[in-house]
Amino acid sequence: MSGVPYLQLMGAAVTGGAQIGQGITANRAAKVNAASLEDQAAANVRASIQREEIQRSNARAQIGEGLAAGGGIEGSTLDVLRQSMFNSEMDALAIRYEGQSKATEMRNEAANTRFQGRGARNAGFLTAAGTLMSGAASYLSAGGKLPAFEFGRVRSDGSMMETGRMSQDWLRRSEKRGY
């Protein structure tokens, strides 16, 4: 038998290793991207809190200016003041809600990115296993033999007479081939 089947088997092993590496790398990249999205979500919440505080401060200033210029608070002036306070509070709450919604969206995207990374990692392992099995099948169909294992025999007291070892035939062939 020529060395071609053996090279096919080794090629499958190298390709399988590369597939595992690609899956692991994709998973690591997904984790980094997810962490970045989590950071962006936290920054978005902080920014929305600041915008909310600015909105409330501006509303108080406008209401104060209106009161200072208006003279007395009664009748329709009081109604306008109440409506203005209500509207400014609704604007502040809308800013908070918008910030929280955007942060939730980013956190969901981060979770999805992590999920995709785990899927890529698992796909790498499964694809590698398929490649190795295909390579082994090609090797065997070309007349190659995989190492056989002999398992130890157990004495009546439960101790091992021999430990597992590869077949001597496979070891002799491996030495002839230089691996």
Foldseek 3Di string as FASTA:
>chain_A
DDCVLVVLLVVLLVVLVVLLVQLLVLLVVLLVLLVVLLVVLVVLLVVLLVVLVVLLVVLVVVLVVCVVPPPDQDDVNVVVSVVSNVVSNVVSVVSNVVSNVSSVVSNVVSVVSNVVSNVSNVVSNVVSVVSNVVSVVSSVVVPHDDWDKDAFDADPVGDTPDHIDTDPVVVVVCVVVPD
